[in-house]
Amino acid sequence: MNIGLQLYTVRDQLNLGYDEILKRVSEAGYTGIEIGYSPESADELGRLIKKYSLKVTSVGAGADDIENAYDKVKEFMKQMDSDIMIVGFGESDLDTVEKAMQVAARLDKLAKKIGADAYTLACHNHWWEFTERFDGKTVTDIFCENSEVFKFEIDIGWASYAGADVVKYINKLGGRIALLHIKDVTVDKKLTEVGSGTVDMKKILGAASSAGVKWGIVEQDDNFRHSSFESIKASYDYLKSIL
């Protein structure tokens, strides 16, 4: 499995500029990055991504962006040489079975639309998609039962935070997993560097590899014990020791 970084992880370093940030990300060992949809930065990002030989694994574009400004999103994807668009939804968007079913239908429609241009749509989860709230079912269960086309970017940290059997879900979703977000959580449910929490990385990543997942994307939202650059290095080094 290749190891990438969600660039949001080092957002506190934006004052350094993209050149220095991507240089340090590359020096830490990462070969790929996941970025947000930022057309105003496309020219600079495109140049620097090539400079540091990084692969843009995916772009967080948002469902509204794809629906309402698809041509602009598509142009950005071309500039980034990436083919996976990532969307996500808030807890209030998915707090009933009916809402979850509506979102599933919306995502399948979007996936078919962009699939005609050889793009893949993947939905990123937080903990609320893996909490058993609907007669023992999760939002992810409802998504699976009411969709066929869109794929998943499984965040193993948030899924573990919710108490889900992550390996079971990886085996269930199989080829519908486009990417993996690699995140670790402490016993008191705080985010931490990969390898220093309670998530069973070896078991989960082994299952993901068997399912054919090619990229694992490190993301740490907060609770840094060190600087964000030191944290991403620690996460990378741990992953390289077990993959």
Protein backbone atom coordinates (compact mmCIF):
# COMPACT_ATOMS: atom_id res chain seq x y z
CA MET A 1 0.00 0.00 0.00
CA ASN A 2 1.27 3.45 -0.93
CA ILE A 3 1.23 6.10 1.78
CA GLY A 4 -0.16 9.56 1.17
CA LEU A 5 -0.98 12.54 3.36
CA GLN A 6 -4.16 14.58 3.65
CA LEU A 7 -2.63 18.06 3.38
CA TYR A 8 -5.17 19.37 5.91
CA THR A 9 -2.99 17.71 8.56
CA VAL A 10 -0.32 20.42 8.18
CA ARG A 11 -2.71 23.34 7.78
CA ASP A 12 -1.04 25.15 10.70
CA GLN A 13 2.07 25.52 8.52
CA LEU A 14 0.41 27.42 5.67
CA ASN A 15 2.47 30.52 6.50
CA LEU A 16 5.49 28.63 5.10
CA GLY A 17 3.92 28.47 1.64
CA TYR A 18 3.13 25.45 -0.51
CA ASP A 19 6.70 25.06 -1.77
CA GLU A 20 8.16 24.51 1.69
CA ILE A 21 5.21 22.45 2.86
CA LEU A 22 5.31 20.03 -0.07
CA LYS A 23 9.09 19.83 0.20
CA ARG A 24 8.81 18.71 3.84
CA VAL A 25 5.96 16.31 3.08
CA SER A 26 8.10 14.69 0.40
CA GLU A 27 11.15 14.59 2.67
CA ALA A 28 9.06 12.82 5.33
CA GLY A 29 8.60 9.99 2.82
CA TYR A 30 5.11 10.58 1.47
CA THR A 31 4.60 9.97 -2.24
CA GLY A 32 1.02 11.19 -2.49
CA ILE A 33 -1.23 13.91 -1.15
CA GLU A 34 -4.95 14.44 -0.83
CA ILE A 35 -6.00 18.06 -1.23
CA GLY A 36 -9.08 20.22 -1.14
CA TYR A 37 -10.68 21.80 -4.17
CA SER A 38 -8.88 25.16 -4.50
CA PRO A 39 -8.99 26.44 -8.08
CA GLU A 40 -7.31 29.70 -7.09
CA SER A 41 -4.16 27.70 -6.21
CA ALA A 42 -4.24 25.32 -9.17
CA ASP A 43 -1.30 26.72 -11.14
CA GLU A 44 1.03 26.89 -8.14
CA LEU A 45 -0.01 23.50 -6.79
CA GLY A 46 0.33 21.84 -10.17
CA ARG A 47 3.85 23.15 -10.59
CA LEU A 48 4.99 22.20 -7.09
CA ILE A 49 3.40 18.75 -7.16
CA LYS A 50 5.47 17.97 -10.23
CA LYS A 51 8.56 19.54 -8.66
CA TYR A 52 8.38 17.15 -5.70
CA SER A 53 7.14 14.14 -7.71
CA LEU A 54 3.96 13.80 -5.68
CA LYS A 55 0.78 12.06 -6.78
CA VAL A 56 -2.54 13.78 -6.04
CA THR A 57 -4.47 10.74 -4.91
CA SER A 58 -7.78 12.54 -4.54
CA VAL A 59 -9.49 15.90 -4.21
CA GLY A 60 -12.09 16.85 -1.64
CA ALA A 61 -14.54 18.71 -3.85
CA GLY A 62 -17.86 18.47 -2.04
CA ALA A 63 -21.14 17.32 -3.51
CA ASP A 64 -22.39 20.87 -4.04
CA ASP A 65 -19.23 21.81 -5.96
CA ILE A 66 -19.62 18.81 -8.24
CA GLU A 67 -23.32 19.48 -8.85
CA ASN A 68 -23.13 23.23 -9.33
CA ALA A 69 -19.66 23.87 -10.77
CA TYR A 70 -18.73 20.60 -12.41
CA ASP A 71 -16.79 22.09 -15.31
CA LYS A 72 -14.56 24.03 -12.91
CA VAL A 73 -14.06 20.98 -10.70
CA LYS A 74 -13.21 18.86 -13.74
CA GLU A 75 -10.66 21.43 -14.91
CA PHE A 76 -9.04 21.42 -11.46
CA MET A 77 -8.91 17.62 -11.48
CA LYS A 78 -7.16 17.72 -14.85
CA GLN A 79 -4.62 20.24 -13.55
CA MET A 80 -3.95 18.01 -10.55
CA ASP A 81 -3.84 14.85 -12.70
CA SER A 82 -6.20 13.15 -10.26
CA ASP A 83 -9.30 11.04 -10.88
CA ILE A 84 -10.95 10.58 -7.46
CA MET A 85 -13.34 13.16 -6.01
CA ILE A 86 -14.10 12.99 -2.30
CA VAL A 87 -17.31 14.13 -0.65
CA GLY A 88 -18.50 14.08 2.95
CA PHE A 89 -21.60 14.94 4.95
CA GLY A 90 -22.36 16.38 8.36
CA GLU A 91 -24.09 14.43 11.10
CA SER A 92 -27.35 16.36 10.67
CA ASP A 93 -27.40 15.35 6.99
CA LEU A 94 -27.57 11.69 7.98
CA ASP A 95 -29.55 11.57 11.21
CA THR A 96 -32.53 9.62 9.83
CA VAL A 97 -32.85 6.57 7.63
CA GLU A 98 -34.70 8.66 5.05
CA LYS A 99 -31.90 11.22 4.86
CA ALA A 100 -29.27 8.49 4.53
CA MET A 101 -31.22 6.88 1.69
CA GLN A 102 -31.58 10.25 -0.06
CA VAL A 103 -27.83 10.90 0.22
CA ALA A 104 -27.09 7.42 -1.14
CA ALA A 105 -29.28 8.09 -4.17
CA ARG A 106 -27.67 11.51 -4.66
CA LEU A 107 -24.18 10.02 -4.54
CA ASP A 108 -25.00 7.27 -7.01
CA LYS A 109 -26.39 9.89 -9.41
CA LEU A 110 -23.23 11.99 -9.06
CA ALA A 111 -21.00 8.94 -9.41
CA LYS A 112 -22.68 8.01 -12.69
CA LYS A 113 -22.35 11.59 -13.95
CA ILE A 114 -18.62 11.92 -13.30
CA GLY A 115 -18.01 8.29 -14.20
CA ALA A 116 -18.85 9.21 -17.78
CA ASP A 117 -15.65 11.30 -17.67
CA ALA A 118 -13.64 8.50 -16.02
CA TYR A 119 -13.75 10.04 -12.55
CA THR A 120 -14.53 8.15 -9.35
CA LEU A 121 -16.69 9.50 -6.52
CA ALA A 122 -15.89 8.37 -2.99
CA CYS A 123 -17.63 9.28 0.27
CA HIS A 124 -15.50 9.96 3.34
CA ASN A 125 -16.90 9.01 6.74
CA HIS A 126 -16.69 10.41 10.23
CA TRP A 127 -17.88 8.56 13.32
CA TRP A 128 -21.58 9.15 12.69
CA GLU A 129 -21.61 6.91 9.60
CA PHE A 130 -20.45 4.00 11.77
CA THR A 131 -22.65 4.46 14.83
CA GLU A 132 -25.43 1.88 15.13
CA ARG A 133 -28.45 4.15 15.42
CA PHE A 134 -31.11 2.67 13.16
CA ASP A 135 -32.30 -0.66 14.55
CA GLY A 136 -28.73 -1.94 14.71
CA LYS A 137 -27.77 -0.48 11.35
CA THR A 138 -25.29 2.25 10.58
CA VAL A 139 -25.42 4.90 7.86
CA THR A 140 -22.77 2.87 6.05
CA ASP A 141 -25.09 -0.16 6.13
CA ILE A 142 -27.89 1.96 4.68
CA PHE A 143 -25.55 3.32 2.01
CA CYS A 144 -24.59 -0.22 1.00
CA GLU A 145 -28.21 -1.35 0.80
CA ASN A 146 -29.33 1.65 -1.25
CA SER A 147 -26.52 2.26 -3.74
CA GLU A 148 -24.36 0.49 -6.27
CA VAL A 149 -22.01 2.97 -7.91
CA PHE A 150 -20.26 5.40 -5.58
CA LYS A 151 -17.27 4.24 -3.60
CA PHE A 152 -15.99 4.76 -0.07
CA GLU A 153 -13.00 6.43 1.48
CA ILE A 154 -13.00 4.61 4.79
CA ASP A 155 -11.54 6.59 7.69
CA ILE A 156 -10.43 3.77 9.95
CA GLY A 157 -9.83 6.09 12.90
CA TRP A 158 -13.34 7.52 12.96
CA ALA A 159 -14.83 4.09 12.32
CA SER A 160 -12.86 2.69 15.26
CA TYR A 161 -13.87 5.71 17.36
CA ALA A 162 -17.49 4.73 16.72
CA GLY A 163 -16.81 1.18 17.90
CA ALA A 164 -17.22 -0.46 14.51
CA ASP A 165 -15.63 -3.73 13.46
CA VAL A 166 -13.50 -2.08 10.79
CA VAL A 167 -12.16 -5.32 9.32
CA LYS A 168 -15.72 -6.60 8.90
CA TYR A 169 -16.65 -3.47 6.96
CA ILE A 170 -13.54 -3.60 4.80
CA ASN A 171 -14.34 -7.19 3.90
CA LYS A 172 -17.97 -6.26 3.25
CA LEU A 173 -17.20 -3.25 1.05
CA GLY A 174 -14.27 -4.87 -0.77
CA GLY A 175 -13.86 -3.32 -4.20
CA ARG A 176 -16.04 -0.35 -3.29
CA ILE A 177 -13.22 1.06 -1.18
CA ALA A 178 -11.37 3.63 -3.25
CA LEU A 179 -9.01 4.86 -0.54
CA LEU A 180 -8.29 4.44 3.15
CA HIS A 181 -7.86 7.30 5.61
CA ILE A 182 -5.36 6.19 8.23
CA LYS A 183 -5.99 7.79 11.59
CA ASP A 184 -5.30 6.63 15.14
CA VAL A 185 -7.25 7.16 18.35
CA THR A 186 -6.17 6.88 21.99
CA VAL A 187 -8.02 4.90 24.65
CA ASP A 188 -9.67 8.14 25.81
CA LYS A 189 -10.77 8.87 22.24
CA LYS A 190 -8.30 11.55 21.29
CA LEU A 191 -6.59 11.66 17.91
CA THR A 192 -2.92 10.78 17.89
CA GLU A 193 0.00 9.86 15.63
CA VAL A 194 -0.49 6.63 13.72
CA GLY A 195 0.89 3.74 15.74
CA SER A 196 0.51 5.41 19.13
CA GLY A 197 -3.19 4.74 19.64
CA THR A 198 -5.54 1.78 19.96
CA VAL A 199 -6.46 1.14 16.31
CA ASP A 200 -5.27 -2.31 15.21
CA MET A 201 -3.29 -1.02 12.22
CA LYS A 202 -1.70 -4.31 11.18
CA LYS A 203 -4.98 -6.18 11.08
CA ILE A 204 -6.96 -3.41 9.39
CA LEU A 205 -4.32 -2.50 6.83
CA GLY A 206 -3.80 -6.17 6.06
CA ALA A 207 -7.51 -6.53 5.30
CA ALA A 208 -7.44 -3.38 3.15
CA SER A 209 -4.45 -4.64 1.19
CA SER A 210 -6.23 -7.95 0.60
CA ALA A 211 -9.23 -5.96 -0.67
CA GLY A 212 -6.98 -4.27 -3.23
CA VAL A 213 -6.74 -0.82 -1.67
CA LYS A 214 -3.73 0.91 -3.21
CA TRP A 215 -3.48 4.10 -1.15
CA GLY A 216 -3.64 4.81 2.56
CA ILE A 217 -3.93 8.52 3.39
CA VAL A 218 -2.63 9.69 6.77
CA GLU A 219 -4.78 12.34 8.41
CA GLN A 220 -4.56 13.81 11.91
CA ASP A 221 -7.10 16.49 12.66
CA ASP A 222 -5.77 17.72 16.00
CA ASN A 223 -4.12 16.74 19.33
CA PHE A 224 -0.52 16.92 18.07
CA ARG A 225 2.06 15.88 20.65
CA HIS A 226 4.74 17.46 18.49
CA SER A 227 4.69 19.86 15.57
CA SER A 228 2.50 18.70 12.70
CA PHE A 229 5.61 17.99 10.61
CA GLU A 230 7.09 15.83 13.36
CA SER A 231 3.75 14.06 13.71
CA ILE A 232 3.43 13.20 10.03
CA LYS A 233 6.97 11.86 10.06
CA ALA A 234 6.24 9.67 13.09
CA SER A 235 3.08 8.34 11.41
CA TYR A 236 4.90 7.62 8.16
CA ASP A 237 7.81 5.86 9.86
CA TYR A 238 5.44 3.62 11.82
CA LEU A 239 3.48 2.68 8.71
CA LYS A 240 6.62 1.86 6.77
CA SER A 241 7.66 -0.45 9.61
CA ILE A 242 4.49 -2.56 9.29
CA LEU A 243 3.62 -2.40 5.58
